[in-house]
PDB file of N, CA and C in Angstrom:
ATOM      1  N   MET A   1       0.847  -1.185   0.000  1.00  0.00           N
ATOM      2  CA  MET A   1       0.000   0.000   0.000  1.00  0.00           C
ATOM      3  C   MET A   1       0.887   1.240   0.000  1.00  0.00           C
ATOM      4  N   SER A   2       0.516   2.217  -0.816  1.00  0.00           N
ATOM      5  CA  SER A   2       1.280   3.456  -0.896  1.00  0.00           C
ATOM      6  C   SER A   2       1.300   4.147   0.460  1.00  0.00           C
ATOM      7  N   SER A   3       2.426   4.750   0.778  1.00  0.00           N
ATOM      8  CA  SER A   3       2.520   5.435   2.069  1.00  0.00           C
ATOM      9  C   SER A   3       2.069   6.892   1.983  1.00  0.00           C
ATOM     10  N   LYS A   4       1.828   7.393   0.775  1.00  0.00           N
ATOM     11  CA  LYS A   4       1.384   8.779   0.620  1.00  0.00           C
ATOM     12  C   LYS A   4      -0.114   8.805   0.345  1.00  0.00           C
ATOM     13  N   TRP A   5      -0.875   9.155   1.360  1.00  0.00           N
ATOM     14  CA  TRP A   5      -2.331   9.221   1.256  1.00  0.00           C
ATOM     15  C   TRP A   5      -2.806  10.615   1.633  1.00  0.00           C
ATOM     16  N   ARG A   6      -3.972  10.986   1.141  1.00  0.00           N
ATOM     17  CA  ARG A   6      -4.581  12.284   1.426  1.00  0.00           C
ATOM     18  C   ARG A   6      -6.045  12.060   1.741  1.00  0.00           C
ATOM     19  N   ARG A   7      -6.525  12.748   2.761  1.00  0.00           N
ATOM     20  CA  ARG A   7      -7.945  12.720   3.113  1.00  0.00           C
ATOM     21  C   ARG A   7      -8.579  14.026   2.666  1.00  0.00           C
ATOM     22  N   PHE A   8      -9.681  13.897   1.937  1.00  0.00           N
ATOM     23  CA  PHE A   8     -10.491  15.041   1.549  1.00  0.00           C
ATOM     24  C   PHE A   8     -11.777  14.999   2.358  1.00  0.00           C
ATOM     25  N   GLU A   9     -12.182  16.151   2.841  1.00  0.00           N
ATOM     26  CA  GLU A   9     -13.460  16.305   3.523  1.00  0.00           C
ATOM     27  C   GLU A   9     -14.211  17.427   2.826  1.00  0.00           C
ATOM     28  N   VAL A  10     -15.412  17.109   2.370  1.00  0.00           N
ATOM     29  CA  VAL A  10     -16.240  18.081   1.658  1.00  0.00           C
ATOM     30  C   VAL A  10     -17.513  18.287   2.456  1.00  0.00           C
ATOM     31  N   LEU A  11     -17.834  19.549   2.743  1.00  0.00           N
ATOM     32  CA  LEU A  11     -19.089  19.879   3.417  1.00  0.00           C
ATOM     33  C   LEU A  11     -20.110  20.268   2.363  1.00  0.00           C
ATOM     34  N   LEU A  12     -21.205  19.527   2.326  1.00  0.00           N
ATOM     35  CA  LEU A  12     -22.289  19.826   1.383  1.00  0.00           C
ATOM     36  C   LEU A  12     -23.490  20.356   2.147  1.00  0.00           C
ATOM     37  N   PRO A  13     -24.093  21.430   1.654  1.00  0.00           N
ATOM     38  CA  PRO A  13     -25.262  22.003   2.330  1.00  0.00           C
ATOM     39  C   PRO A  13     -26.506  21.159   2.070  1.00  0.00           C
ATOM     40  N   LEU A  14     -27.417  21.215   3.006  1.00  0.00           N
ATOM     41  CA  LEU A  14     -28.701  20.535   2.860  1.00  0.00           C
ATOM     42  C   LEU A  14     -29.785  21.467   2.323  1.00  0.00           C
ATOM     43  N   ARG A  15     -29.450  22.772   2.237  1.00  0.00           N
ATOM     44  CA  ARG A  15     -30.391  23.758   1.691  1.00  0.00           C
ATOM     45  C   ARG A  15     -29.652  24.689   0.743  1.00  0.00           C
ATOM     46  N   PHE A  16     -30.379  25.139  -0.273  1.00  0.00           N
ATOM     47  CA  PHE A  16     -29.850  26.181  -1.147  1.00  0.00           C
ATOM     48  C   PHE A  16     -29.745  27.466  -0.330  1.00  0.00           C
ATOM     49  N   ASN A  17     -29.013  28.457  -0.837  1.00  0.00           N
ATOM     50  CA  ASN A  17     -28.859  29.709  -0.101  1.00  0.00           C
ATOM     51  C   ASN A  17     -30.181  30.443   0.091  1.00  0.00           C
ATOM     52  N   ASP A  18     -31.194  30.129  -0.732  1.00  0.00           N
ATOM     53  CA  ASP A  18     -32.509  30.760  -0.556  1.00  0.00           C
ATOM     54  C   ASP A  18     -33.373  30.039   0.481  1.00  0.00           C
ATOM     55  N   GLY A  19     -32.826  28.958   1.103  1.00  0.00           N
ATOM     56  CA  GLY A  19     -33.530  28.253   2.160  1.00  0.00           C
ATOM     57  C   GLY A  19     -34.272  27.011   1.714  1.00  0.00           C
ATOM     58  N   GLN A  20     -34.445  26.796   0.416  1.00  0.00           N
ATOM     59  CA  GLN A  20     -35.145  25.596  -0.058  1.00  0.00           C
ATOM     60  C   GLN A  20     -34.256  24.371   0.107  1.00  0.00           C
ATOM     61  N   ASP A  21     -34.886  23.240   0.429  1.00  0.00           N
ATOM     62  CA  ASP A  21     -34.139  21.991   0.629  1.00  0.00           C
ATOM     63  C   ASP A  21     -33.498  21.509  -0.663  1.00  0.00           C
ATOM     64  N   ILE A  22     -32.284  21.026  -0.534  1.00  0.00           N
ATOM     65  CA  ILE A  22     -31.620  20.344  -1.638  1.00  0.00           C
ATOM     66  C   ILE A  22     -32.155  18.918  -1.654  1.00  0.00           C
ATOM     67  N   PRO A  23     -32.555  18.410  -2.802  1.00  0.00           N
ATOM     68  CA  PRO A  23     -33.088  17.045  -2.847  1.00  0.00           C
ATOM     69  C   PRO A  23     -32.090  16.034  -2.278  1.00  0.00           C
ATOM     70  N   GLY A  24     -32.576  15.152  -1.434  1.00  0.00           N
ATOM     71  CA  GLY A  24     -31.720  14.136  -0.821  1.00  0.00           C
ATOM     72  C   GLY A  24     -31.004  13.273  -1.841  1.00  0.00           C
ATOM     73  N   GLU A  25     -31.675  13.059  -2.984  1.00  0.00           N
ATOM     74  CA  GLU A  25     -31.015  12.233  -4.003  1.00  0.00           C
ATOM     75  C   GLU A  25     -29.800  12.921  -4.591  1.00  0.00           C
ATOM     76  N   TRP A  26     -29.766  14.260  -4.549  1.00  0.00           N
ATOM     77  CA  TRP A  26     -28.588  14.973  -5.055  1.00  0.00           C
ATOM     78  C   TRP A  26     -27.389  14.714  -4.150  1.00  0.00           C
ATOM     79  N   ILE A  27     -27.624  14.701  -2.835  1.00  0.00           N
ATOM     80  CA  ILE A  27     -26.531  14.426  -1.896  1.00  0.00           C
ATOM     81  C   ILE A  27     -26.034  13.002  -2.120  1.00  0.00           C
ATOM     82  N   ALA A  28     -26.966  12.064  -2.259  1.00  0.00           N
ATOM     83  CA  ALA A  28     -26.583  10.673  -2.524  1.00  0.00           C
ATOM     84  C   ALA A  28     -25.795  10.579  -3.829  1.00  0.00           C
ATOM     85  N   GLU A  29     -26.196  11.338  -4.831  1.00  0.00           N
ATOM     86  CA  GLU A  29     -25.499  11.335  -6.115  1.00  0.00           C
ATOM     87  C   GLU A  29     -24.058  11.840  -5.959  1.00  0.00           C
ATOM     88  N   ALA A  30     -23.871  12.860  -5.137  1.00  0.00           N
ATOM     89  CA  ALA A  30     -22.517  13.387  -4.905  1.00  0.00           C
ATOM     90  C   ALA A  30     -21.633  12.321  -4.250  1.00  0.00           C
ATOM     91  N   VAL A  31     -22.178  11.639  -3.245  1.00  0.00           N
ATOM     92  CA  VAL A  31     -21.423  10.574  -2.568  1.00  0.00           C
ATOM     93  C   VAL A  31     -21.087   9.467  -3.559  1.00  0.00           C
ATOM     94  N   LEU A  32     -22.072   9.039  -4.340  1.00  0.00           N
ATOM     95  CA  LEU A  32     -21.846   7.941  -5.279  1.00  0.00           C
ATOM     96  C   LEU A  32     -20.891   8.320  -6.403  1.00  0.00           C
ATOM     97  N   GLU A  33     -20.841   9.589  -6.758  1.00  0.00           N
ATOM     98  CA  GLU A  33     -19.872  10.033  -7.760  1.00  0.00           C
ATOM     99  C   GLU A  33     -18.442   9.776  -7.261  1.00  0.00           C
ATOM    100  N   ILE A  34     -18.205  10.067  -5.983  1.00  0.00           N
ATOM    101  CA  ILE A  34     -16.888   9.818  -5.393  1.00  0.00           C
ATOM    102  C   ILE A  34     -16.624   8.317  -5.299  1.00  0.00           C
ATOM    103  N   VAL A  35     -17.627   7.565  -4.857  1.00  0.00           N
ATOM    104  CA  VAL A  35     -17.471   6.106  -4.756  1.00  0.00           C
ATOM    105  C   VAL A  35     -17.176   5.506  -6.127  1.00  0.00           C
ATOM    106  N   ASP A  36     -17.883   5.962  -7.146  1.00  0.00           N
ATOM    107  CA  ASP A  36     -17.656   5.438  -8.494  1.00  0.00           C
ATOM    108  C   ASP A  36     -16.232   5.705  -8.973  1.00  0.00           C
ATOM    109  N   TYR A  37     -15.680   6.843  -8.606  1.00  0.00           N
ATOM    110  CA  TYR A  37     -14.339   7.193  -9.077  1.00  0.00           C
ATOM    111  C   TYR A  37     -13.236   6.538  -8.242  1.00  0.00           C
ATOM    112  N   PHE A  38     -13.378   6.615  -6.899  1.00  0.00           N
ATOM    113  CA  PHE A  38     -12.311   6.138  -6.018  1.00  0.00           C
ATOM    114  C   PHE A  38     -12.553   4.744  -5.439  1.00  0.00           C
ATOM    115  N   GLY A  39     -13.784   4.257  -5.516  1.00  0.00           N
ATOM    116  CA  GLY A  39     -14.084   2.940  -4.987  1.00  0.00           C
ATOM    117  C   GLY A  39     -14.626   2.934  -3.572  1.00  0.00           C
ATOM    118  N   ALA A  40     -14.597   4.070  -2.888  1.00  0.00           N
ATOM    119  CA  ALA A  40     -15.101   4.142  -1.509  1.00  0.00           C
ATOM    120  C   ALA A  40     -15.237   5.599  -1.087  1.00  0.00           C
ATOM    121  N   ALA A  41     -16.081   5.826  -0.100  1.00  0.00           N
ATOM    122  CA  ALA A  41     -16.222   7.135   0.542  1.00  0.00           C
ATOM    123  C   ALA A  41     -17.009   6.924   1.816  1.00  0.00           C
ATOM    124  N   SER A  42     -16.874   7.833   2.744  1.00  0.00           N
ATOM    125  CA  SER A  42     -17.677   7.831   3.961  1.00  0.00           C
ATOM    126  C   SER A  42     -18.556   9.071   3.944  1.00  0.00           C
ATOM    127  N   TYR A  43     -19.709   8.942   4.566  1.00  0.00           N
ATOM    128  CA  TYR A  43     -20.689  10.021   4.562  1.00  0.00           C
ATOM    129  C   TYR A  43     -21.247  10.140   5.972  1.00  0.00           C
ATOM    130  N   GLU A  44     -21.058  11.297   6.581  1.00  0.00           N
ATOM    131  CA  GLU A  44     -21.583  11.527   7.926  1.00  0.00           C
ATOM    132  C   GLU A  44     -22.942  12.201   7.830  1.00  0.00           C
ATOM    133  N   THR A  45     -23.939  11.548   8.394  1.00  0.00           N
ATOM    134  CA  THR A  45     -25.295  12.083   8.333  1.00  0.00           C
ATOM    135  C   THR A  45     -25.574  13.078   9.455  1.00  0.00           C
ATOM    136  N   GLN A  46     -24.720  13.116  10.462  1.00  0.00           N
ATOM    137  CA  GLN A  46     -24.889  14.098  11.534  1.00  0.00           C
ATOM    138  C   GLN A  46     -24.695  15.488  10.945  1.00  0.00           C
ATOM    139  N   LYS A  47     -25.613  16.379  11.195  1.00  0.00           N
ATOM    140  CA  LYS A  47     -25.529  17.723  10.639  1.00  0.00           C
ATOM    141  C   LYS A  47     -24.428  18.530  11.312  1.00  0.00           C
ATOM    142  N   VAL A  48     -23.716  19.266  10.494  1.00  0.00           N
ATOM    143  CA  VAL A  48     -22.745  20.248  10.956  1.00  0.00           C
ATOM    144  C   VAL A  48     -23.378  21.602  10.686  1.00  0.00           C
ATOM    145  N   GLU A  49     -23.420  22.459  11.698  1.00  0.00           N
ATOM    146  CA  GLU A  49     -24.028  23.767  11.517  1.00  0.00           C
ATOM    147  C   GLU A  49     -22.928  24.789  11.266  1.00  0.00           C
ATOM    148  N   GLY A  50     -23.076  25.516  10.179  1.00  0.00           N
ATOM    149  CA  GLY A  50     -22.090  26.541   9.836  1.00  0.00           C
ATOM    150  C   GLY A  50     -22.733  27.914   9.792  1.00  0.00           C
ATOM    151  N   HIS A  51     -21.960  28.912  10.186  1.00  0.00           N
ATOM    152  CA  HIS A  51     -22.391  30.309  10.121  1.00  0.00           C
ATOM    153  C   HIS A  51     -21.283  31.083   9.417  1.00  0.00           C
ATOM    154  N   TRP A  52     -21.660  31.930   8.460  1.00  0.00           N
ATOM    155  CA  TRP A  52     -20.663  32.694   7.745  1.00  0.00           C
ATOM    156  C   TRP A  52     -21.293  33.937   7.143  1.00  0.00           C
ATOM    157  N   ARG A  53     -20.453  34.925   6.876  1.00  0.00           N
ATOM    158  CA  ARG A  53     -20.912  36.179   6.292  1.00  0.00           C
ATOM    159  C   ARG A  53     -20.346  36.336   4.887  1.00  0.00           C
ATOM    160  N   HIS A  54     -21.193  36.895   4.034  1.00  0.00           N
ATOM    161  CA  HIS A  54     -20.755  37.235   2.682  1.00  0.00           C
ATOM    162  C   HIS A  54     -21.499  38.493   2.257  1.00  0.00           C
ATOM    163  N   SER A  55     -20.762  39.512   1.885  1.00  0.00           N
ATOM    164  CA  SER A  55     -21.352  40.784   1.440  1.00  0.00           C
ATOM    165  C   SER A  55     -22.360  41.319   2.449  1.00  0.00           C
ATOM    166  N   GLY A  56     -22.015  41.218   3.719  1.00  0.00           N
ATOM    167  CA  GLY A  56     -22.860  41.757   4.777  1.00  0.00           C
ATOM    168  C   GLY A  56     -24.043  40.892   5.167  1.00  0.00           C
ATOM    169  N   VAL A  57     -24.238  39.746   4.506  1.00  0.00           N
ATOM    170  CA  VAL A  57     -25.355  38.857   4.821  1.00  0.00           C
ATOM    171  C   VAL A  57     -24.837  37.692   5.659  1.00  0.00           C
ATOM    172  N   LEU A  58     -25.532  37.404   6.766  1.00  0.00           N
ATOM    173  CA  LEU A  58     -25.182  36.269   7.609  1.00  0.00           C
ATOM    174  C   LEU A  58     -25.951  35.044   7.120  1.00  0.00           C
ATOM    175  N   TYR A  59     -25.206  33.990   6.801  1.00  0.00           N
ATOM    176  CA  TYR A  59     -25.800  32.735   6.349  1.00  0.00           C
ATOM    177  C   TYR A  59     -25.648  31.693   7.449  1.00  0.00           C
ATOM    178  N   ARG A  60     -26.624  30.800   7.532  1.00  0.00           N
ATOM    179  CA  ARG A  60     -26.570  29.656   8.441  1.00  0.00           C
ATOM    180  C   ARG A  60     -26.839  28.425   7.603  1.00  0.00           C
ATOM    181  N   ASP A  61     -25.927  27.476   7.683  1.00  0.00           N
ATOM    182  CA  ASP A  61     -26.043  26.258   6.893  1.00  0.00           C
ATOM    183  C   ASP A  61     -26.149  25.032   7.776  1.00  0.00           C
ATOM    184  N   ASP A  62     -26.955  24.082   7.342  1.00  0.00           N
ATOM    185  CA  ASP A  62     -26.894  22.711   7.839  1.00  0.00           C
ATOM    186  C   ASP A  62     -26.156  21.936   6.767  1.00  0.00           C
ATOM    187  N   LEU A  63     -25.098  21.247   7.182  1.00  0.00           N
ATOM    188  CA  LEU A  63     -24.192  20.598   6.238  1.00  0.00           C
ATOM    189  C   LEU A  63     -23.991  19.142   6.607  1.00  0.00           C
ATOM    190  N   VAL A  64     -23.599  18.347   5.614  1.00  0.00           N
ATOM    191  CA  VAL A  64     -23.148  16.983   5.845  1.00  0.00           C
ATOM    192  C   VAL A  64     -21.733  16.877   5.301  1.00  0.00           C
ATOM    193  N   ARG A  65     -21.009  15.877   5.784  1.00  0.00           N
ATOM    194  CA  ARG A  65     -19.602  15.730   5.411  1.00  0.00           C
ATOM    195  C   ARG A  65     -19.382  14.427   4.639  1.00  0.00           C
ATOM    196  N   ILE A  66     -18.689  14.571   3.516  1.00  0.00           N
ATOM    197  CA  ILE A  66     -18.216  13.411   2.760  1.00  0.00           C
ATOM    198  C   ILE A  66     -16.715  13.318   2.990  1.00  0.00           C
ATOM    199  N   ILE A  67     -16.246  12.117   3.284  1.00  0.00           N
ATOM    200  CA  ILE A  67     -14.824  11.884   3.540  1.00  0.00           C
ATOM    201  C   ILE A  67     -14.338  10.812   2.585  1.00  0.00           C
ATOM    202  N   VAL A  68     -13.194  11.087   1.956  1.00  0.00           N
ATOM    203  CA  VAL A  68     -12.595  10.080   1.084  1.00  0.00           C
ATOM    204  C   VAL A  68     -11.084  10.118   1.272  1.00  0.00           C
ATOM    205  N   ASP A  69     -10.490   8.934   1.401  1.00  0.00           N
ATOM    206  CA  ASP A  69      -9.037   8.769   1.522  1.00  0.00           C
ATOM    207  C   ASP A  69      -8.516   8.223   0.208  1.00  0.00           C
ATOM    208  N   VAL A  70      -7.540   8.919  -0.383  1.00  0.00           N
ATOM    209  CA  VAL A  70      -7.046   8.558  -1.711  1.00  0.00           C
ATOM    210  C   VAL A  70      -5.522   8.617  -1.734  1.00  0.00           C
ATOM    211  N   ILE A  71      -4.945   7.958  -2.723  1.00  0.00           N
ATOM    212  CA  ILE A  71      -3.509   8.102  -2.939  1.00  0.00           C
ATOM    213  C   ILE A  71      -3.243   9.567  -3.265  1.00  0.00           C
ATOM    214  N   ASP A  72      -2.222  10.120  -2.656  1.00  0.00           N
ATOM    215  CA  ASP A  72      -1.913  11.543  -2.807  1.00  0.00           C
ATOM    216  C   ASP A  72      -1.121  11.762  -4.095  1.00  0.00           C
ATOM    217  N   ASP A  73      -1.846  12.084  -5.164  1.00  0.00           N
ATOM    218  CA  ASP A  73      -1.178  12.410  -6.420  1.00  0.00           C
ATOM    219  C   ASP A  73      -1.941  13.537  -7.116  1.00  0.00           C
ATOM    220  N   ASP A  74      -1.328  14.110  -8.141  1.00  0.00           N
ATOM    221  CA  ASP A  74      -1.926  15.255  -8.834  1.00  0.00           C
ATOM    222  C   ASP A  74      -3.257  14.913  -9.497  1.00  0.00           C
ATOM    223  N   THR A  75      -3.382  13.704 -10.023  1.00  0.00           N
ATOM    224  CA  THR A  75      -4.624  13.302 -10.688  1.00  0.00           C
ATOM    225  C   THR A  75      -5.790  13.310  -9.707  1.00  0.00           C
ATOM    226  N   ASN A  76      -5.595  12.747  -8.524  1.00  0.00           N
ATOM    227  CA  ASN A  76      -6.667  12.700  -7.527  1.00  0.00           C
ATOM    228  C   ASN A  76      -6.983  14.086  -6.972  1.00  0.00           C
ATOM    229  N   ARG A  77      -5.960  14.896  -6.772  1.00  0.00           N
ATOM    230  CA  ARG A  77      -6.206  16.266  -6.297  1.00  0.00           C
ATOM    231  C   ARG A  77      -7.022  17.048  -7.316  1.00  0.00           C
ATOM    232  N   GLN A  78      -6.642  16.920  -8.585  1.00  0.00           N
ATOM    233  CA  GLN A  78      -7.354  17.638  -9.640  1.00  0.00           C
ATOM    234  C   GLN A  78      -8.802  17.157  -9.739  1.00  0.00           C
ATOM    235  N   TRP A  79      -9.038  15.848  -9.637  1.00  0.00           N
ATOM    236  CA  TRP A  79     -10.394  15.325  -9.717  1.00  0.00           C
ATOM    237  C   TRP A  79     -11.248  15.900  -8.594  1.00  0.00           C
ATOM    238  N   MET A  80     -10.696  15.960  -7.388  1.00  0.00           N
ATOM    239  CA  MET A  80     -11.458  16.494  -6.252  1.00  0.00           C
ATOM    240  C   MET A  80     -11.737  17.992  -6.428  1.00  0.00           C
ATOM    241  N   LYS A  81     -10.806  18.742  -6.978  1.00  0.00           N
ATOM    242  CA  LYS A  81     -11.053  20.169  -7.238  1.00  0.00           C
ATOM    243  C   LYS A  81     -12.181  20.339  -8.252  1.00  0.00           C
ATOM    244  N   GLN A  82     -12.192  19.483  -9.281  1.00  0.00           N
ATOM    245  CA  GLN A  82     -13.264  19.538 -10.279  1.00  0.00           C
ATOM    246  C   GLN A  82     -14.601  19.123  -9.673  1.00  0.00           C
ATOM    247  N   PHE A  83     -14.583  18.119  -8.794  1.00  0.00           N
ATOM    248  CA  PHE A  83     -15.792  17.704  -8.081  1.00  0.00           C
ATOM    249  C   PHE A  83     -16.370  18.896  -7.318  1.00  0.00           C
ATOM    250  N   LYS A  84     -15.509  19.585  -6.583  1.00  0.00           N
ATOM    251  CA  LYS A  84     -15.953  20.749  -5.803  1.00  0.00           C
ATOM    252  C   LYS A  84     -16.594  21.788  -6.718  1.00  0.00           C
ATOM    253  N   GLU A  85     -15.962  22.109  -7.828  1.00  0.00           N
ATOM    254  CA  GLU A  85     -16.496  23.129  -8.732  1.00  0.00           C
ATOM    255  C   GLU A  85     -17.825  22.702  -9.357  1.00  0.00           C
ATOM    256  N   ARG A  86     -17.932  21.437  -9.771  1.00  0.00           N
ATOM    257  CA  ARG A  86     -19.198  20.941 -10.338  1.00  0.00           C
ATOM    258  C   ARG A  86     -20.339  21.077  -9.338  1.00  0.00           C
ATOM    259  N   TRP A  87     -20.078  20.665  -8.103  1.00  0.00           N
ATOM    260  CA  TRP A  87     -21.142  20.669  -7.105  1.00  0.00           C
ATOM    261  C   TRP A  87     -21.422  22.069  -6.578  1.00  0.00           C
ATOM    262  N   LYS A  88     -20.451  22.939  -6.571  1.00  0.00           N
ATOM    263  CA  LYS A  88     -20.689  24.336  -6.188  1.00  0.00           C
ATOM    264  C   LYS A  88     -21.700  24.955  -7.155  1.00  0.00           C
ATOM    265  N   VAL A  89     -21.525  24.693  -8.446  1.00  0.00           N
ATOM    266  CA  VAL A  89     -22.447  25.213  -9.458  1.00  0.00           C
ATOM    267  C   VAL A  89     -23.817  24.545  -9.322  1.00  0.00           C
ATOM    268  N   ARG A  90     -23.831  23.231  -9.229  1.00  0.00           N
ATOM    269  CA  ARG A  90     -25.114  22.509  -9.181  1.00  0.00           C
ATOM    270  C   ARG A  90     -25.939  22.914  -7.965  1.00  0.00           C
ATOM    271  N   LEU A  91     -25.281  23.121  -6.822  1.00  0.00           N
ATOM    272  CA  LEU A  91     -25.979  23.466  -5.582  1.00  0.00           C
ATOM    273  C   LEU A  91     -26.163  24.976  -5.415  1.00  0.00           C
ATOM    274  N   LYS A  92     -25.739  25.736  -6.441  1.00  0.00           N
ATOM    275  CA  LYS A  92     -25.904  27.196  -6.459  1.00  0.00           C
ATOM    276  C   LYS A  92     -25.305  27.845  -5.218  1.00  0.00           C
ATOM    277  N   GLN A  93     -24.067  27.470  -4.911  1.00  0.00           N
ATOM    278  CA  GLN A  93     -23.401  27.971  -3.728  1.00  0.00           C
ATOM    279  C   GLN A  93     -22.358  29.026  -4.087  1.00  0.00           C
ATOM    280  N   ILE A  94     -22.146  29.948  -3.190  1.00  0.00           N
ATOM    281  CA  ILE A  94     -21.070  30.923  -3.353  1.00  0.00           C
ATOM    282  C   ILE A  94     -19.738  30.188  -3.298  1.00  0.00           C
ATOM    283  N   ASP A  95     -19.644  29.214  -2.405  1.00  0.00           N
ATOM    284  CA  ASP A  95     -18.457  28.365  -2.304  1.00  0.00           C
ATOM    285  C   ASP A  95     -18.850  27.078  -1.592  1.00  0.00           C
ATOM    286  N   LEU A  96     -18.032  26.064  -1.733  1.00  0.00           N
ATOM    287  CA  LEU A  96     -18.142  24.836  -0.944  1.00  0.00           C
ATOM    288  C   LEU A  96     -16.838  24.691  -0.180  1.00  0.00           C
ATOM    289  N   TRP A  97     -16.948  24.224   1.045  1.00  0.00           N
ATOM    290  CA  TRP A  97     -15.763  24.047   1.869  1.00  0.00           C
ATOM    291  C   TRP A  97     -15.220  22.640   1.662  1.00  0.00           C
ATOM    292  N   MET A  98     -13.977  22.582   1.197  1.00  0.00           N
ATOM    293  CA  MET A  98     -13.301  21.303   1.034  1.00  0.00           C
ATOM    294  C   MET A  98     -11.906  21.459   1.610  1.00  0.00           C
ATOM    295  N   ILE A  99     -11.557  20.529   2.505  1.00  0.00           N
ATOM    296  CA  ILE A  99     -10.204  20.538   3.048  1.00  0.00           C
ATOM    297  C   ILE A  99      -9.528  19.227   2.694  1.00  0.00           C
ATOM    298  N   SER A 100      -8.215  19.242   2.752  1.00  0.00           N
ATOM    299  CA  SER A 100      -7.482  18.001   2.578  1.00  0.00           C
ATOM    300  C   SER A 100      -6.232  18.066   3.439  1.00  0.00           C
ATOM    301  N   HIS A 101      -5.781  16.882   3.822  1.00  0.00           N
ATOM    302  CA  HIS A 101      -4.540  16.804   4.591  1.00  0.00           C
ATOM    303  C   HIS A 101      -3.936  15.430   4.402  1.00  0.00           C
ATOM    304  N   SER A 102      -2.623  15.359   4.593  1.00  0.00           N
ATOM    305  CA  SER A 102      -1.925  14.081   4.496  1.00  0.00           C
ATOM    306  C   SER A 102      -2.319  13.186   5.647  1.00  0.00           C
ATOM    307  N   ILE A 103      -2.422  11.893   5.360  1.00  0.00           N
ATOM    308  CA  ILE A 103      -2.723  10.918   6.400  1.00  0.00           C
ATOM    309  C   ILE A 103      -1.795   9.720   6.249  1.00  0.00           C
ATOM    310  N   GLU A 104      -1.685   8.968   7.315  1.00  0.00           N
ATOM    311  CA  GLU A 104      -0.974   7.705   7.293  1.00  0.00           C
ATOM    312  C   GLU A 104      -1.980   6.613   7.586  1.00  0.00           C
ATOM    313  N   ILE A 105      -2.012   5.600   6.746  1.00  0.00           N
ATOM    314  CA  ILE A 105      -2.909   4.467   6.970  1.00  0.00           C
ATOM    315  C   ILE A 105      -2.069   3.323   7.523  1.00  0.00           C
ATOM    316  N   GLU A 106      -2.448   2.840   8.677  1.00  0.00           N
ATOM    317  CA  GLU A 106      -1.707   1.775   9.343  1.00  0.00           C
ATOM    318  C   GLU A 106      -2.245   0.427   8.954  1.00  0.00           C
TER     319      GLU A 106
END
């Protein structure tokens, strides 16, 4: 097993910025898109509550987290960046929060 791994965590909102619910099947589709590409993903159903300001407007989000551990290479990083951009547009978001960090798998 490769010793260079990276964990990506993506927070997806459960509501559009106008307050309408995002269809549950869309969230499932996002998770399955990652599973189809990488072969696995984890999905936390516990809501994460986020608060943030943009252009003087305070937003409150209910979010879920998708986690995927992948070999740390440029191809996988680029795919995840494209995933973020596709879903930012589809979910009509100002931005999506995605973090990544190196991990060691024992």
